[in-house]
Amino acid sequence: MVKVIDIKKVSQIEAESVVSAFERLNNLNVTVSGAEGLTSPRRQLDEEIAKIIFSKDNLGFNSSTEMTNFFELFLADLVEDRRL
């Protein structure tokens, strides 16, 4: 099952926080592969998105940071497995 955020339920403040984090990442002009794990330059963007998801459905996580950590490590594992 794939879950997608209903953009109509995202507040302007939440949307602006994601846009700001994306702009900061974009301004770094770095390449990310997904294999970075918890030290990704994309971390702040991931955290802002996780805050929104967590506020709508915690998916069993205790915090949005815990959610971010899980999915960043999951992505790193997925990228590494695809390289094999």
N, C-alpha and C. Protein backbone atom coordinates (compact mmCIF):
# COMPACT_ATOMS: atom_id res chain seq x y z
N MET A 1 0.84 -1.17 0.00
CA MET A 1 0.00 0.00 0.00
C MET A 1 0.89 1.24 0.00
N VAL A 2 0.53 2.21 -0.80
CA VAL A 2 1.24 3.48 -0.87
C VAL A 2 0.34 4.56 -0.28
N LYS A 3 0.91 5.35 0.61
CA LYS A 3 0.16 6.46 1.18
C LYS A 3 0.72 7.76 0.61
N VAL A 4 -0.17 8.67 0.32
CA VAL A 4 0.21 9.97 -0.23
C VAL A 4 -0.42 11.04 0.64
N ILE A 5 0.32 12.10 0.89
CA ILE A 5 -0.21 13.21 1.68
C ILE A 5 -1.27 13.93 0.86
N ASP A 6 -2.43 14.15 1.46
CA ASP A 6 -3.49 14.94 0.83
C ASP A 6 -3.09 16.40 0.99
N ILE A 7 -2.65 17.01 -0.09
CA ILE A 7 -2.13 18.38 -0.04
C ILE A 7 -3.16 19.37 0.49
N LYS A 8 -4.44 19.05 0.35
CA LYS A 8 -5.49 19.94 0.86
C LYS A 8 -5.49 19.98 2.39
N LYS A 9 -4.87 18.97 3.02
CA LYS A 9 -4.84 18.91 4.48
C LYS A 9 -3.53 19.44 5.05
N VAL A 10 -2.65 19.95 4.20
CA VAL A 10 -1.36 20.50 4.63
C VAL A 10 -1.54 22.01 4.81
N SER A 11 -1.18 22.50 5.99
CA SER A 11 -1.33 23.93 6.25
C SER A 11 -0.29 24.73 5.45
N GLN A 12 -0.55 26.01 5.32
CA GLN A 12 0.39 26.87 4.61
C GLN A 12 1.74 26.89 5.33
N ILE A 13 1.73 26.89 6.64
CA ILE A 13 2.98 26.90 7.42
C ILE A 13 3.76 25.61 7.16
N GLU A 14 3.07 24.47 7.14
CA GLU A 14 3.74 23.19 6.86
C GLU A 14 4.32 23.19 5.45
N ALA A 15 3.54 23.66 4.49
CA ALA A 15 4.02 23.70 3.10
C ALA A 15 5.23 24.61 2.97
N GLU A 16 5.19 25.76 3.63
CA GLU A 16 6.31 26.70 3.57
C GLU A 16 7.57 26.11 4.20
N SER A 17 7.41 25.32 5.25
CA SER A 17 8.59 24.72 5.89
C SER A 17 9.25 23.72 4.95
N VAL A 18 8.44 22.97 4.20
CA VAL A 18 8.99 22.02 3.23
C VAL A 18 9.66 22.76 2.07
N VAL A 19 9.02 23.79 1.58
CA VAL A 19 9.60 24.57 0.48
C VAL A 19 10.91 25.20 0.91
N SER A 20 10.96 25.75 2.11
CA SER A 20 12.20 26.37 2.61
C SER A 20 13.32 25.34 2.74
N ALA A 21 12.99 24.17 3.27
CA ALA A 21 14.00 23.11 3.41
C ALA A 21 14.47 22.65 2.03
N PHE A 22 13.56 22.54 1.08
CA PHE A 22 13.94 22.16 -0.28
C PHE A 22 14.85 23.21 -0.90
N GLU A 23 14.52 24.48 -0.73
CA GLU A 23 15.36 25.56 -1.28
C GLU A 23 16.75 25.55 -0.67
N ARG A 24 16.85 25.30 0.65
CA ARG A 24 18.17 25.22 1.30
C ARG A 24 18.98 24.07 0.71
N LEU A 25 18.33 22.91 0.53
CA LEU A 25 19.01 21.76 -0.06
C LEU A 25 19.43 22.08 -1.49
N ASN A 26 18.56 22.67 -2.25
CA ASN A 26 18.86 23.02 -3.64
C ASN A 26 20.04 23.99 -3.72
N ASN A 27 20.10 24.93 -2.80
CA ASN A 27 21.18 25.92 -2.79
C ASN A 27 22.53 25.31 -2.42
N LEU A 28 22.53 24.16 -1.76
CA LEU A 28 23.79 23.48 -1.45
C LEU A 28 24.45 22.92 -2.70
N ASN A 29 23.63 22.71 -3.73
CA ASN A 29 24.13 22.20 -5.01
C ASN A 29 24.94 20.91 -4.81
N VAL A 30 24.35 19.97 -4.07
CA VAL A 30 25.00 18.68 -3.81
C VAL A 30 24.20 17.57 -4.46
N THR A 31 24.86 16.46 -4.67
CA THR A 31 24.19 15.28 -5.20
C THR A 31 23.97 14.30 -4.05
N VAL A 32 22.77 13.77 -3.95
CA VAL A 32 22.49 12.75 -2.95
C VAL A 32 22.04 11.49 -3.67
N SER A 33 22.43 10.35 -3.12
CA SER A 33 22.11 9.07 -3.76
C SER A 33 21.03 8.31 -3.01
N GLY A 34 20.81 8.66 -1.74
CA GLY A 34 19.90 7.91 -0.90
C GLY A 34 20.63 6.95 0.01
N ALA A 35 21.93 6.76 -0.25
CA ALA A 35 22.73 5.83 0.54
C ALA A 35 23.39 6.51 1.74
N GLU A 36 23.12 7.79 1.93
CA GLU A 36 23.81 8.55 2.99
C GLU A 36 23.41 8.15 4.40
N GLY A 37 22.26 7.56 4.56
CA GLY A 37 21.80 7.20 5.91
C GLY A 37 21.37 8.43 6.67
N LEU A 38 21.80 8.55 7.93
CA LEU A 38 21.34 9.63 8.80
C LEU A 38 22.12 10.92 8.63
N THR A 39 23.13 10.93 7.81
CA THR A 39 23.95 12.14 7.64
C THR A 39 23.74 12.78 6.28
N SER A 40 22.56 12.63 5.75
CA SER A 40 22.25 13.15 4.42
C SER A 40 22.12 14.67 4.43
N PRO A 41 22.62 15.32 3.39
CA PRO A 41 22.37 16.76 3.27
C PRO A 41 20.88 17.05 3.10
N ARG A 42 20.11 16.02 2.81
CA ARG A 42 18.67 16.11 2.63
C ARG A 42 17.93 16.01 3.97
N ARG A 43 18.65 15.86 5.05
CA ARG A 43 18.04 15.57 6.36
C ARG A 43 16.95 16.56 6.76
N GLN A 44 17.19 17.85 6.66
CA GLN A 44 16.20 18.83 7.10
C GLN A 44 14.92 18.72 6.28
N LEU A 45 15.05 18.50 4.98
CA LEU A 45 13.87 18.31 4.13
C LEU A 45 13.10 17.07 4.56
N ASP A 46 13.83 15.97 4.80
CA ASP A 46 13.18 14.74 5.26
C ASP A 46 12.45 14.96 6.58
N GLU A 47 13.06 15.73 7.49
CA GLU A 47 12.43 15.98 8.78
C GLU A 47 11.16 16.81 8.64
N GLU A 48 11.19 17.80 7.77
CA GLU A 48 10.00 18.64 7.58
C GLU A 48 8.84 17.82 7.00
N ILE A 49 9.14 16.95 6.05
CA ILE A 49 8.11 16.09 5.47
C ILE A 49 7.59 15.10 6.52
N ALA A 50 8.51 14.54 7.30
CA ALA A 50 8.11 13.58 8.35
C ALA A 50 7.21 14.24 9.39
N LYS A 51 7.47 15.49 9.72
CA LYS A 51 6.62 16.19 10.70
C LYS A 51 5.17 16.24 10.21
N ILE A 52 5.01 16.50 8.92
CA ILE A 52 3.65 16.57 8.36
C ILE A 52 2.99 15.19 8.39
N ILE A 53 3.72 14.19 7.92
CA ILE A 53 3.16 12.83 7.91
C ILE A 53 2.82 12.40 9.33
N PHE A 54 3.75 12.60 10.25
CA PHE A 54 3.55 12.19 11.64
C PHE A 54 2.32 12.87 12.25
N SER A 55 2.11 14.14 11.93
CA SER A 55 0.97 14.86 12.51
C SER A 55 -0.36 14.32 11.99
N LYS A 56 -0.36 13.73 10.81
CA LYS A 56 -1.59 13.19 10.22
C LYS A 56 -1.79 11.72 10.61
N ASP A 57 -0.67 10.97 10.70
CA ASP A 57 -0.72 9.54 11.02
C ASP A 57 0.68 9.14 11.48
N ASN A 58 0.83 8.82 12.74
CA ASN A 58 2.17 8.54 13.27
C ASN A 58 2.74 7.21 12.79
N LEU A 59 1.94 6.41 12.11
CA LEU A 59 2.39 5.13 11.54
C LEU A 59 3.08 4.23 12.56
N GLY A 60 2.79 4.45 13.84
CA GLY A 60 3.36 3.62 14.89
C GLY A 60 4.68 4.12 15.43
N PHE A 61 5.15 5.26 14.94
CA PHE A 61 6.41 5.84 15.45
C PHE A 61 6.11 6.71 16.66
N ASN A 62 7.12 6.87 17.52
CA ASN A 62 6.96 7.69 18.71
C ASN A 62 7.21 9.17 18.45
N SER A 63 7.91 9.49 17.36
CA SER A 63 8.22 10.88 17.03
C SER A 63 8.50 10.99 15.54
N SER A 64 8.44 12.21 15.03
CA SER A 64 8.76 12.41 13.62
C SER A 64 10.25 12.16 13.37
N THR A 65 11.09 12.40 14.36
CA THR A 65 12.52 12.12 14.21
C THR A 65 12.76 10.62 14.08
N GLU A 66 12.06 9.84 14.89
CA GLU A 66 12.17 8.38 14.80
C GLU A 66 11.72 7.91 13.41
N MET A 67 10.65 8.51 12.91
CA MET A 67 10.15 8.18 11.58
C MET A 67 11.19 8.52 10.52
N THR A 68 11.78 9.71 10.62
CA THR A 68 12.81 10.14 9.66
C THR A 68 13.98 9.18 9.68
N ASN A 69 14.45 8.83 10.87
CA ASN A 69 15.59 7.91 10.98
C ASN A 69 15.27 6.57 10.31
N PHE A 70 14.10 6.04 10.59
CA PHE A 70 13.72 4.75 10.03
C PHE A 70 13.74 4.80 8.50
N PHE A 71 13.09 5.81 7.93
CA PHE A 71 12.99 5.86 6.47
C PHE A 71 14.30 6.23 5.80
N GLU A 72 15.13 7.03 6.45
CA GLU A 72 16.44 7.32 5.87
C GLU A 72 17.31 6.05 5.85
N LEU A 73 17.27 5.27 6.91
CA LEU A 73 18.04 4.02 6.94
C LEU A 73 17.45 2.99 5.99
N PHE A 74 16.12 2.96 5.88
CA PHE A 74 15.47 2.06 4.93
C PHE A 74 15.89 2.41 3.51
N LEU A 75 15.90 3.69 3.19
CA LEU A 75 16.31 4.13 1.86
C LEU A 75 17.77 3.77 1.60
N ALA A 76 18.64 3.97 2.58
CA ALA A 76 20.05 3.62 2.41
C ALA A 76 20.20 2.13 2.13
N ASP A 77 19.47 1.30 2.87
CA ASP A 77 19.52 -0.15 2.63
C ASP A 77 19.01 -0.49 1.23
N LEU A 78 17.93 0.14 0.84
CA LEU A 78 17.35 -0.10 -0.48
C LEU A 78 18.33 0.26 -1.59
N VAL A 79 18.98 1.41 -1.47
CA VAL A 79 19.95 1.85 -2.46
C VAL A 79 21.13 0.88 -2.50
N GLU A 80 21.62 0.50 -1.34
CA GLU A 80 22.75 -0.44 -1.29
C GLU A 80 22.38 -1.78 -1.91
N ASP A 81 21.19 -2.29 -1.61
CA ASP A 81 20.74 -3.57 -2.20
C ASP A 81 20.63 -3.48 -3.70
N ARG A 82 20.21 -2.35 -4.22
CA ARG A 82 20.08 -2.20 -5.68
C ARG A 82 21.44 -2.14 -6.35
N ARG A 83 22.47 -1.75 -5.62
CA ARG A 83 23.83 -1.68 -6.18
C ARG A 83 24.46 -3.05 -6.29
N LEU A 84 23.93 -4.03 -5.58
CA LEU A 84 24.51 -5.38 -5.60
C LEU A 84 24.23 -6.11 -6.88
